[in-house]
Amino acid sequence: DELPTTAELLLRYDALRPRSRQAGIGMSELGGCRRATGYRLAGYPAGEPKGSLQAIMGTATHDAVTVVLKDMRKRGDIPPGSVIDELVVFGGVKGHPDLYVDPIVRDVKTLGYGAQLDKYRADGPPTRHRWQAHTYGAALRLAGHRVTTVQLDYIVRDSGDTWLFEEPFSVDLVRDAFDWLRNVRETELDF
């Protein structure tokens, strides 16, 4: 028997993660593929998780950031009431904001190549990224936290280039995300 390659081991690791087996939609899926979201909402099984190595590298970045942030909180560099990769729920949709420190919620985003970041800098982040972060903000507000600012912290895997996007928290963006979700729920599935 041959030992699995590093790539095969990473794909196995990803398949074991709870997020890979989540039945319901998550906040990161708001504004994503309508068809996949519709089938998931209708209860169709997603099948075996099919992770990509690029996505796994993004997950590894999130995991590393979480470890360092929790260590910073333990040392007192981040306030004890901060939220670091903890479950939040809004409108029945679950999510895990990467960081909340009163009054800012931040989501970490990894990108594959610099041209993506150049486009985001020129045109603004994709709506789905904004919806996800603002829905985290809504969930945190519902839980009694003060949220005034939403940040998207981008890092490019191939170059290490970074960009921190920031905007005021918007109830309208959350409303838009849930209008999209309602529309997906009301759309008939095609077989």
N, C-alpha and C. Protein backbone atom coordinates (compact mmCIF):
# COMPACT_ATOMS: atom_id res chain seq x y z
N ASP A 1 0.83 -1.20 0.00
CA ASP A 1 0.00 0.00 0.00
C ASP A 1 0.87 1.26 0.00
N GLU A 2 0.47 2.20 -0.84
CA GLU A 2 1.18 3.48 -0.86
C GLU A 2 0.58 4.41 0.19
N LEU A 3 1.42 5.19 0.80
CA LEU A 3 0.94 6.19 1.75
C LEU A 3 0.28 7.32 0.97
N PRO A 4 -0.77 7.91 1.55
CA PRO A 4 -1.44 9.01 0.86
C PRO A 4 -0.49 10.20 0.69
N THR A 5 -0.68 10.93 -0.37
CA THR A 5 0.09 12.14 -0.60
C THR A 5 -0.39 13.23 0.36
N THR A 6 0.36 14.30 0.45
CA THR A 6 -0.05 15.44 1.28
C THR A 6 -1.40 15.96 0.82
N ALA A 7 -1.59 16.07 -0.49
CA ALA A 7 -2.87 16.55 -1.02
C ALA A 7 -4.01 15.63 -0.60
N GLU A 8 -3.81 14.33 -0.68
CA GLU A 8 -4.85 13.38 -0.28
C GLU A 8 -5.14 13.48 1.22
N LEU A 9 -4.10 13.67 2.02
CA LEU A 9 -4.30 13.82 3.46
C LEU A 9 -5.09 15.09 3.78
N LEU A 10 -4.78 16.17 3.07
CA LEU A 10 -5.52 17.41 3.29
C LEU A 10 -6.99 17.27 2.92
N LEU A 11 -7.27 16.57 1.82
CA LEU A 11 -8.67 16.35 1.42
C LEU A 11 -9.40 15.48 2.44
N ARG A 12 -8.72 14.49 2.99
CA ARG A 12 -9.33 13.66 4.04
C ARG A 12 -9.62 14.49 5.29
N TYR A 13 -8.66 15.34 5.66
CA TYR A 13 -8.84 16.21 6.82
C TYR A 13 -10.07 17.09 6.63
N ASP A 14 -10.18 17.69 5.45
CA ASP A 14 -11.30 18.58 5.17
C ASP A 14 -12.63 17.84 5.27
N ALA A 15 -12.68 16.61 4.80
CA ALA A 15 -13.92 15.83 4.84
C ALA A 15 -14.36 15.50 6.26
N LEU A 16 -13.43 15.53 7.20
CA LEU A 16 -13.74 15.21 8.60
C LEU A 16 -14.26 16.42 9.38
N ARG A 17 -14.07 17.61 8.83
CA ARG A 17 -14.48 18.82 9.53
C ARG A 17 -16.00 18.90 9.65
N PRO A 18 -16.51 19.39 10.80
CA PRO A 18 -17.96 19.51 10.96
C PRO A 18 -18.61 20.34 9.85
N ARG A 19 -17.96 21.40 9.38
CA ARG A 19 -18.53 22.26 8.33
C ARG A 19 -18.75 21.48 7.04
N SER A 20 -17.90 20.48 6.79
CA SER A 20 -18.04 19.69 5.57
C SER A 20 -19.28 18.79 5.63
N ARG A 21 -19.78 18.56 6.83
CA ARG A 21 -20.94 17.67 7.00
C ARG A 21 -22.20 18.41 7.43
N GLN A 22 -22.15 19.74 7.46
CA GLN A 22 -23.28 20.55 7.89
C GLN A 22 -24.47 20.34 6.95
N ALA A 23 -25.62 20.10 7.53
CA ALA A 23 -26.82 19.84 6.73
C ALA A 23 -27.46 21.13 6.22
N GLY A 24 -27.64 22.11 7.09
CA GLY A 24 -28.29 23.36 6.69
C GLY A 24 -27.32 24.31 6.02
N ILE A 25 -27.89 25.38 5.46
CA ILE A 25 -27.00 26.36 4.83
C ILE A 25 -26.33 27.21 5.91
N GLY A 26 -25.19 27.74 5.57
CA GLY A 26 -24.47 28.63 6.46
C GLY A 26 -24.46 30.03 5.90
N MET A 27 -24.06 30.99 6.72
CA MET A 27 -24.03 32.39 6.29
C MET A 27 -23.10 32.60 5.10
N SER A 28 -22.08 31.77 4.97
CA SER A 28 -21.16 31.92 3.84
C SER A 28 -21.80 31.54 2.51
N GLU A 29 -22.96 30.90 2.56
CA GLU A 29 -23.64 30.50 1.32
C GLU A 29 -24.66 31.53 0.83
N LEU A 30 -24.93 32.55 1.65
CA LEU A 30 -25.86 33.60 1.24
C LEU A 30 -25.29 34.31 0.01
N GLY A 31 -26.06 34.33 -1.05
CA GLY A 31 -25.61 34.98 -2.28
C GLY A 31 -24.73 34.12 -3.16
N GLY A 32 -24.57 32.87 -2.78
CA GLY A 32 -23.74 31.95 -3.57
C GLY A 32 -24.55 31.27 -4.66
N CYS A 33 -24.29 30.00 -4.89
CA CYS A 33 -24.98 29.24 -5.93
C CYS A 33 -26.44 29.01 -5.52
N ARG A 34 -27.35 29.60 -6.27
CA ARG A 34 -28.78 29.48 -5.96
C ARG A 34 -29.25 28.03 -6.03
N ARG A 35 -28.79 27.31 -7.04
CA ARG A 35 -29.23 25.93 -7.23
C ARG A 35 -28.80 25.06 -6.06
N ALA A 36 -27.52 25.11 -5.70
CA ALA A 36 -27.01 24.30 -4.59
C ALA A 36 -27.72 24.67 -3.29
N THR A 37 -27.96 25.97 -3.08
CA THR A 37 -28.65 26.40 -1.87
C THR A 37 -30.09 25.88 -1.86
N GLY A 38 -30.76 25.94 -3.01
CA GLY A 38 -32.13 25.44 -3.10
C GLY A 38 -32.24 23.96 -2.77
N TYR A 39 -31.33 23.17 -3.30
CA TYR A 39 -31.36 21.73 -3.00
C TYR A 39 -31.05 21.47 -1.53
N ARG A 40 -30.11 22.21 -0.99
CA ARG A 40 -29.79 22.01 0.43
C ARG A 40 -30.99 22.38 1.30
N LEU A 41 -31.66 23.51 0.97
CA LEU A 41 -32.84 23.93 1.73
C LEU A 41 -33.96 22.90 1.64
N ALA A 42 -34.05 22.21 0.51
CA ALA A 42 -35.09 21.20 0.32
C ALA A 42 -34.74 19.87 1.00
N GLY A 43 -33.55 19.82 1.60
CA GLY A 43 -33.18 18.62 2.35
C GLY A 43 -32.45 17.56 1.57
N TYR A 44 -32.05 17.88 0.34
CA TYR A 44 -31.30 16.90 -0.43
C TYR A 44 -29.89 16.79 0.11
N PRO A 45 -29.42 15.56 0.28
CA PRO A 45 -28.07 15.39 0.82
C PRO A 45 -27.03 15.96 -0.16
N ALA A 46 -25.99 16.52 0.40
CA ALA A 46 -24.95 17.13 -0.43
C ALA A 46 -24.02 16.09 -1.03
N GLY A 47 -24.12 14.87 -0.58
CA GLY A 47 -23.19 13.84 -1.05
C GLY A 47 -21.88 13.92 -0.30
N GLU A 48 -20.92 13.20 -0.75
CA GLU A 48 -19.62 13.22 -0.09
C GLU A 48 -18.98 14.59 -0.27
N PRO A 49 -18.37 15.11 0.81
CA PRO A 49 -17.69 16.40 0.67
C PRO A 49 -16.59 16.32 -0.39
N LYS A 50 -16.55 17.33 -1.24
CA LYS A 50 -15.53 17.39 -2.28
C LYS A 50 -14.77 18.69 -2.11
N GLY A 51 -13.84 18.68 -1.17
CA GLY A 51 -13.05 19.88 -0.92
C GLY A 51 -12.04 20.11 -2.02
N SER A 52 -11.57 21.32 -2.11
CA SER A 52 -10.49 21.64 -3.03
C SER A 52 -9.27 22.00 -2.19
N LEU A 53 -8.11 21.76 -2.75
CA LEU A 53 -6.89 22.09 -2.02
C LEU A 53 -6.81 23.58 -1.73
N GLN A 54 -7.28 24.41 -2.66
CA GLN A 54 -7.26 25.85 -2.44
C GLN A 54 -8.15 26.22 -1.26
N ALA A 55 -9.33 25.61 -1.19
CA ALA A 55 -10.23 25.89 -0.07
C ALA A 55 -9.64 25.41 1.25
N ILE A 56 -8.97 24.27 1.21
CA ILE A 56 -8.35 23.74 2.43
C ILE A 56 -7.24 24.69 2.91
N MET A 57 -6.50 25.28 1.98
CA MET A 57 -5.47 26.25 2.37
C MET A 57 -6.13 27.47 3.02
N GLY A 58 -7.29 27.85 2.53
CA GLY A 58 -8.02 28.94 3.16
C GLY A 58 -8.47 28.56 4.55
N THR A 59 -8.93 27.32 4.71
CA THR A 59 -9.34 26.83 6.03
C THR A 59 -8.16 26.81 6.98
N ALA A 60 -7.00 26.39 6.50
CA ALA A 60 -5.80 26.37 7.34
C ALA A 60 -5.44 27.78 7.80
N THR A 61 -5.63 28.76 6.92
CA THR A 61 -5.37 30.15 7.30
C THR A 61 -6.33 30.57 8.42
N HIS A 62 -7.62 30.25 8.26
CA HIS A 62 -8.60 30.56 9.30
C HIS A 62 -8.23 29.88 10.61
N ASP A 63 -7.86 28.61 10.54
CA ASP A 63 -7.50 27.87 11.75
C ASP A 63 -6.31 28.51 12.45
N ALA A 64 -5.30 28.92 11.69
CA ALA A 64 -4.11 29.56 12.27
C ALA A 64 -4.48 30.89 12.92
N VAL A 65 -5.30 31.68 12.23
CA VAL A 65 -5.74 32.97 12.76
C VAL A 65 -6.51 32.76 14.07
N THR A 66 -7.37 31.76 14.10
CA THR A 66 -8.17 31.47 15.30
C THR A 66 -7.26 31.12 16.48
N VAL A 67 -6.26 30.28 16.25
CA VAL A 67 -5.34 29.90 17.33
C VAL A 67 -4.63 31.13 17.89
N VAL A 68 -4.13 32.00 17.02
CA VAL A 68 -3.40 33.19 17.47
C VAL A 68 -4.34 34.16 18.19
N LEU A 69 -5.55 34.38 17.64
CA LEU A 69 -6.49 35.28 18.29
C LEU A 69 -6.89 34.79 19.68
N LYS A 70 -7.14 33.49 19.81
CA LYS A 70 -7.50 32.95 21.13
C LYS A 70 -6.34 33.09 22.11
N ASP A 71 -5.11 32.93 21.63
CA ASP A 71 -3.94 33.13 22.48
C ASP A 71 -3.85 34.60 22.90
N MET A 72 -4.12 35.50 21.96
CA MET A 72 -4.09 36.94 22.28
C MET A 72 -5.16 37.28 23.33
N ARG A 73 -6.33 36.67 23.21
CA ARG A 73 -7.39 36.92 24.20
C ARG A 73 -6.97 36.38 25.56
N LYS A 74 -6.36 35.21 25.58
CA LYS A 74 -5.89 34.60 26.83
C LYS A 74 -4.84 35.49 27.50
N ARG A 75 -3.99 36.14 26.72
CA ARG A 75 -2.93 37.01 27.25
C ARG A 75 -3.45 38.41 27.61
N GLY A 76 -4.71 38.70 27.22
CA GLY A 76 -5.27 40.01 27.52
C GLY A 76 -5.07 41.05 26.43
N ASP A 77 -4.56 40.63 25.27
CA ASP A 77 -4.36 41.56 24.16
C ASP A 77 -5.66 41.83 23.40
N ILE A 78 -6.63 40.98 23.60
CA ILE A 78 -7.98 41.13 23.03
C ILE A 78 -8.94 41.00 24.22
N PRO A 79 -9.96 41.85 24.29
CA PRO A 79 -10.87 41.82 25.45
C PRO A 79 -11.52 40.45 25.65
N PRO A 80 -11.79 40.11 26.92
CA PRO A 80 -12.39 38.80 27.22
C PRO A 80 -13.78 38.60 26.59
N GLY A 81 -14.53 39.65 26.31
CA GLY A 81 -15.86 39.52 25.71
C GLY A 81 -15.85 39.38 24.21
N SER A 82 -14.67 39.27 23.62
CA SER A 82 -14.59 39.13 22.16
C SER A 82 -15.12 37.76 21.73
N VAL A 83 -15.50 37.68 20.46
CA VAL A 83 -16.00 36.43 19.88
C VAL A 83 -15.00 36.00 18.82
N ILE A 84 -14.51 34.78 18.95
CA ILE A 84 -13.53 34.25 18.01
C ILE A 84 -14.02 32.90 17.51
N ASP A 85 -14.44 32.85 16.25
CA ASP A 85 -14.87 31.61 15.60
C ASP A 85 -15.89 30.83 16.44
N GLU A 86 -16.91 31.54 16.92
CA GLU A 86 -17.97 30.92 17.72
C GLU A 86 -19.26 30.92 16.92
N LEU A 87 -20.12 29.94 17.19
CA LEU A 87 -21.38 29.81 16.47
C LEU A 87 -22.31 30.98 16.78
N VAL A 88 -22.87 31.56 15.73
CA VAL A 88 -23.93 32.56 15.84
C VAL A 88 -25.06 32.12 14.91
N VAL A 89 -26.27 32.56 15.21
CA VAL A 89 -27.43 32.20 14.38
C VAL A 89 -28.29 33.43 14.17
N PHE A 90 -28.73 33.62 12.94
CA PHE A 90 -29.67 34.69 12.62
C PHE A 90 -30.64 34.15 11.58
N GLY A 91 -31.93 34.27 11.85
CA GLY A 91 -32.95 33.81 10.90
C GLY A 91 -32.82 32.33 10.58
N GLY A 92 -32.33 31.54 11.52
CA GLY A 92 -32.17 30.11 11.31
C GLY A 92 -30.92 29.72 10.54
N VAL A 93 -30.10 30.70 10.16
CA VAL A 93 -28.87 30.44 9.41
C VAL A 93 -27.68 30.57 10.36
N LYS A 94 -26.81 29.57 10.32
CA LYS A 94 -25.67 29.52 11.24
C LYS A 94 -24.42 30.09 10.59
N GLY A 95 -23.53 30.59 11.44
CA GLY A 95 -22.25 31.08 10.96
C GLY A 95 -21.24 31.13 12.09
N HIS A 96 -20.00 31.35 11.72
CA HIS A 96 -18.90 31.46 12.68
C HIS A 96 -18.05 32.68 12.32
N PRO A 97 -18.36 33.86 12.88
CA PRO A 97 -17.53 35.01 12.57
C PRO A 97 -16.10 34.77 13.05
N ASP A 98 -15.15 35.21 12.25
CA ASP A 98 -13.75 35.00 12.62
C ASP A 98 -13.37 35.82 13.85
N LEU A 99 -13.89 37.05 13.94
CA LEU A 99 -13.53 37.90 15.08
C LEU A 99 -14.60 38.96 15.30
N TYR A 100 -14.94 39.14 16.55
CA TYR A 100 -15.74 40.29 16.97
C TYR A 100 -15.05 40.89 18.18
N VAL A 101 -14.69 42.16 18.06
CA VAL A 101 -14.20 42.96 19.18
C VAL A 101 -15.01 44.24 19.14
N ASP A 102 -15.77 44.48 20.20
CA ASP A 102 -16.69 45.60 20.29
C ASP A 102 -16.07 46.87 19.71
N PRO A 103 -16.68 47.45 18.69
CA PRO A 103 -17.94 47.20 17.99
C PRO A 103 -17.74 46.64 16.57
N ILE A 104 -16.64 45.93 16.32
CA ILE A 104 -16.27 45.51 14.97
C ILE A 104 -16.40 44.00 14.80
N VAL A 105 -17.04 43.57 13.70
CA VAL A 105 -17.03 42.17 13.31
C VAL A 105 -16.16 42.05 12.06
N ARG A 106 -15.28 41.04 12.06
CA ARG A 106 -14.34 40.86 10.95
C ARG A 106 -14.44 39.43 10.43
N ASP A 107 -14.41 39.33 9.09
CA ASP A 107 -14.34 38.03 8.44
C ASP A 107 -13.06 37.97 7.62
N VAL A 108 -12.34 36.88 7.75
CA VAL A 108 -11.09 36.67 7.01
C VAL A 108 -11.42 35.97 5.70
N LYS A 109 -10.88 36.48 4.61
CA LYS A 109 -11.11 35.89 3.29
C LYS A 109 -9.77 35.62 2.62
N THR A 110 -9.58 34.40 2.13
CA THR A 110 -8.38 34.07 1.36
C THR A 110 -8.76 34.00 -0.11
N LEU A 111 -7.88 34.53 -0.94
CA LEU A 111 -8.08 34.53 -2.38
C LEU A 111 -6.91 33.82 -3.03
N GLY A 112 -7.15 33.23 -4.20
CA GLY A 112 -6.12 32.45 -4.87
C GLY A 112 -5.05 33.26 -5.57
N TYR A 113 -5.43 34.41 -6.13
CA TYR A 113 -4.46 35.16 -6.92
C TYR A 113 -4.77 36.65 -6.86
N GLY A 114 -3.75 37.44 -7.13
CA GLY A 114 -3.81 38.88 -6.97
C GLY A 114 -4.85 39.59 -7.81
N ALA A 115 -5.16 39.07 -9.01
CA ALA A 115 -6.14 39.73 -9.88
C ALA A 115 -7.51 39.80 -9.21
N GLN A 116 -7.84 38.80 -8.39
CA GLN A 116 -9.11 38.83 -7.66
C GLN A 116 -9.13 40.03 -6.72
N LEU A 117 -8.04 40.20 -5.97
CA LEU A 117 -7.98 41.30 -5.02
C LEU A 117 -7.98 42.64 -5.74
N ASP A 118 -7.29 42.73 -6.86
CA ASP A 118 -7.31 43.96 -7.65
C ASP A 118 -8.73 44.33 -8.05
N LYS A 119 -9.49 43.33 -8.47
CA LYS A 119 -10.89 43.56 -8.87
C LYS A 119 -11.72 44.03 -7.67
N TYR A 120 -11.53 43.40 -6.52
CA TYR A 120 -12.28 43.78 -5.33
C TYR A 120 -11.93 45.21 -4.90
N ARG A 121 -10.65 45.55 -4.98
CA ARG A 121 -10.24 46.91 -4.62
C ARG A 121 -10.90 47.94 -5.56
N ALA A 122 -11.00 47.59 -6.84
CA ALA A 122 -11.57 48.51 -7.83
C ALA A 122 -13.09 48.59 -7.75
N ASP A 123 -13.75 47.44 -7.59
CA ASP A 123 -15.21 47.36 -7.67
C ASP A 123 -15.90 47.16 -6.32
N GLY A 124 -15.14 46.91 -5.28
CA GLY A 124 -15.71 46.56 -3.98
C GLY A 124 -15.84 45.06 -3.85
N PRO A 125 -15.96 44.57 -2.62
CA PRO A 125 -16.07 43.14 -2.40
C PRO A 125 -17.36 42.57 -3.00
N PRO A 126 -17.37 41.27 -3.29
CA PRO A 126 -18.60 40.66 -3.79
C PRO A 126 -19.74 40.81 -2.77
N THR A 127 -20.93 40.94 -3.29
CA THR A 127 -22.10 41.08 -2.42
C THR A 127 -22.19 39.94 -1.43
N ARG A 128 -21.89 38.72 -1.87
CA ARG A 128 -22.01 37.56 -0.97
C ARG A 128 -21.08 37.69 0.23
N HIS A 129 -19.89 38.24 0.06
CA HIS A 129 -18.98 38.46 1.19
C HIS A 129 -19.56 39.49 2.16
N ARG A 130 -20.11 40.55 1.61
CA ARG A 130 -20.71 41.59 2.44
C ARG A 130 -21.93 41.05 3.18
N TRP A 131 -22.78 40.30 2.48
CA TRP A 131 -23.96 39.73 3.14
C TRP A 131 -23.55 38.83 4.30
N GLN A 132 -22.55 38.00 4.08
CA GLN A 132 -22.09 37.10 5.13
C GLN A 132 -21.65 37.89 6.37
N ALA A 133 -20.79 38.87 6.18
CA ALA A 133 -20.25 39.63 7.31
C ALA A 133 -21.34 40.44 8.02
N HIS A 134 -22.25 41.04 7.25
CA HIS A 134 -23.32 41.82 7.87
C HIS A 134 -24.31 40.91 8.60
N THR A 135 -24.52 39.71 8.11
CA THR A 135 -25.39 38.76 8.81
C THR A 135 -24.73 38.31 10.11
N TYR A 136 -23.40 38.14 10.11
CA TYR A 136 -22.71 37.91 11.38
C TYR A 136 -23.02 39.05 12.35
N GLY A 137 -22.95 40.28 11.84
CA GLY A 137 -23.23 41.44 12.67
C GLY A 137 -24.64 41.41 13.24
N ALA A 138 -25.61 41.02 12.41
CA ALA A 138 -27.00 40.93 12.88
C ALA A 138 -27.14 39.87 13.96
N ALA A 139 -26.49 38.73 13.78
CA ALA A 139 -26.55 37.66 14.78
C ALA A 139 -25.91 38.11 16.09
N LEU A 140 -24.79 38.80 15.98
CA LEU A 140 -24.12 39.30 17.19
C LEU A 140 -24.98 40.35 17.89
N ARG A 141 -25.62 41.21 17.13
CA ARG A 141 -26.53 42.21 17.73
C ARG A 141 -27.68 41.51 18.45
N LEU A 142 -28.23 40.49 17.81
CA LEU A 142 -29.32 39.73 18.41
C LEU A 142 -28.88 39.11 19.74
N ALA A 143 -27.61 38.75 19.83
CA ALA A 143 -27.05 38.15 21.05
C ALA A 143 -26.65 39.22 22.08
N GLY A 144 -26.91 40.49 21.78
CA GLY A 144 -26.67 41.55 22.74
C GLY A 144 -25.37 42.32 22.57
N HIS A 145 -24.64 42.06 21.50
CA HIS A 145 -23.39 42.78 21.24
C HIS A 145 -23.67 44.05 20.44
N ARG A 146 -22.82 45.02 20.61
CA ARG A 146 -22.89 46.27 19.84
C ARG A 146 -22.04 46.08 18.58
N VAL A 147 -22.64 46.25 17.42
CA VAL A 147 -21.91 46.13 16.15
C VAL A 147 -22.19 47.40 15.34
N THR A 148 -21.11 48.13 15.05
CA THR A 148 -21.24 49.34 14.22
C THR A 148 -20.46 49.22 12.93
N THR A 149 -19.48 48.30 12.89
CA THR A 149 -18.55 48.24 11.77
C THR A 149 -18.34 46.79 11.33
N VAL A 150 -18.27 46.60 10.02
CA VAL A 150 -18.01 45.28 9.43
C VAL A 150 -16.71 45.38 8.63
N GLN A 151 -15.84 44.39 8.80
CA GLN A 151 -14.58 44.36 8.06
C GLN A 151 -14.44 43.02 7.33
N LEU A 152 -13.87 43.11 6.14
CA LEU A 152 -13.46 41.93 5.38
C LEU A 152 -11.95 42.04 5.21
N ASP A 153 -11.24 41.05 5.76
CA ASP A 153 -9.78 41.07 5.77
C ASP A 153 -9.28 40.05 4.75
N TYR A 154 -8.87 40.55 3.58
CA TYR A 154 -8.46 39.69 2.47
C TYR A 154 -6.96 39.43 2.49
N ILE A 155 -6.58 38.20 2.16
CA ILE A 155 -5.18 37.84 1.94
C ILE A 155 -5.11 36.94 0.70
N VAL A 156 -4.12 37.19 -0.14
CA VAL A 156 -3.95 36.42 -1.38
C VAL A 156 -2.92 35.32 -1.13
N ARG A 157 -3.31 34.09 -1.46
CA ARG A 157 -2.42 32.94 -1.20
C ARG A 157 -1.15 32.98 -2.04
N ASP A 158 -1.22 33.43 -3.29
CA ASP A 158 -0.03 33.33 -4.14
C ASP A 158 0.99 34.44 -3.89
N SER A 159 0.55 35.57 -3.34
CA SER A 159 1.49 36.70 -3.17
C SER A 159 1.61 37.20 -1.74
N GLY A 160 0.61 36.90 -0.91
CA GLY A 160 0.59 37.44 0.44
C GLY A 160 0.04 38.86 0.52
N ASP A 161 -0.40 39.41 -0.62
CA ASP A 161 -0.98 40.75 -0.64
C ASP A 161 -2.24 40.76 0.24
N THR A 162 -2.49 41.90 0.89
CA THR A 162 -3.63 42.01 1.80
C THR A 162 -4.42 43.28 1.52
N TRP A 163 -5.68 43.26 1.96
CA TRP A 163 -6.54 44.43 1.90
C TRP A 163 -7.60 44.30 2.97
N LEU A 164 -7.76 45.35 3.77
CA LEU A 164 -8.79 45.38 4.80
C LEU A 164 -9.90 46.33 4.34
N PHE A 165 -11.06 45.75 4.02
CA PHE A 165 -12.23 46.53 3.61
C PHE A 165 -13.08 46.76 4.86
N GLU A 166 -13.62 47.97 4.98
CA GLU A 166 -14.42 48.30 6.15
C GLU A 166 -15.60 49.16 5.73
N GLU A 167 -16.76 48.89 6.36
CA GLU A 167 -17.94 49.72 6.12
C GLU A 167 -18.84 49.66 7.35
N PRO A 168 -19.75 50.63 7.49
CA PRO A 168 -20.68 50.60 8.61
C PRO A 168 -21.63 49.40 8.49
N PHE A 169 -22.01 48.84 9.63
CA PHE A 169 -22.99 47.76 9.65
C PHE A 169 -24.29 48.25 9.02
N SER A 170 -24.92 47.39 8.20
CA SER A 170 -26.15 47.78 7.49
C SER A 170 -27.23 46.73 7.63
N VAL A 171 -28.34 47.12 8.24
CA VAL A 171 -29.50 46.25 8.31
C VAL A 171 -30.04 45.98 6.91
N ASP A 172 -29.92 46.96 6.01
CA ASP A 172 -30.42 46.79 4.64
C ASP A 172 -29.71 45.64 3.92
N LEU A 173 -28.40 45.49 4.13
CA LEU A 173 -27.68 44.38 3.49
C LEU A 173 -28.15 43.03 4.04
N VAL A 174 -28.45 42.97 5.32
CA VAL A 174 -28.98 41.74 5.92
C VAL A 174 -30.35 41.44 5.32
N ARG A 175 -31.15 42.46 5.20
CA ARG A 175 -32.49 42.31 4.60
C ARG A 175 -32.36 41.80 3.16
N ASP A 176 -31.43 42.36 2.39
CA ASP A 176 -31.21 41.92 1.02
C ASP A 176 -30.81 40.44 0.97
N ALA A 177 -29.94 40.04 1.88
CA ALA A 177 -29.49 38.64 1.94
C ALA A 177 -30.67 37.71 2.21
N PHE A 178 -31.55 38.10 3.12
CA PHE A 178 -32.68 37.22 3.45
C PHE A 178 -33.79 37.30 2.42
N ASP A 179 -33.87 38.41 1.66
CA ASP A 179 -34.77 38.44 0.51
C ASP A 179 -34.29 37.44 -0.54
N TRP A 180 -32.97 37.41 -0.78
CA TRP A 180 -32.38 36.44 -1.71
C TRP A 180 -32.70 35.02 -1.25
N LEU A 181 -32.52 34.77 0.04
CA LEU A 181 -32.77 33.43 0.59
C LEU A 181 -34.25 33.05 0.45
N ARG A 182 -35.15 34.00 0.73
CA ARG A 182 -36.58 33.73 0.58
C ARG A 182 -36.91 33.39 -0.88
N ASN A 183 -36.31 34.13 -1.81
CA ASN A 183 -36.53 33.88 -3.23
C ASN A 183 -36.05 32.49 -3.61
N VAL A 184 -34.90 32.08 -3.10
CA VAL A 184 -34.39 30.72 -3.38
C VAL A 184 -35.34 29.68 -2.82
N ARG A 185 -35.84 29.91 -1.60
CA ARG A 185 -36.78 28.96 -0.98
C ARG A 185 -38.06 28.81 -1.81
N GLU A 186 -38.50 29.89 -2.42
CA GLU A 186 -39.77 29.89 -3.16
C GLU A 186 -39.62 29.39 -4.59
N THR A 187 -38.41 29.20 -5.05
CA THR A 187 -38.18 28.74 -6.42
C THR A 187 -38.32 27.23 -6.49
N GLU A 188 -39.08 26.75 -7.45
CA GLU A 188 -39.26 25.30 -7.63
C GLU A 188 -37.94 24.65 -8.02
N LEU A 189 -37.72 23.47 -7.48
CA LEU A 189 -36.53 22.70 -7.86
C LEU A 189 -36.74 22.10 -9.23
N ASP A 190 -35.67 22.01 -10.01
CA ASP A 190 -35.77 21.35 -11.31
C ASP A 190 -35.13 19.97 -11.21
N PHE A 191 -35.77 19.01 -11.83
CA PHE A 191 -35.26 17.63 -11.77
C PHE A 191 -34.88 17.16 -13.16
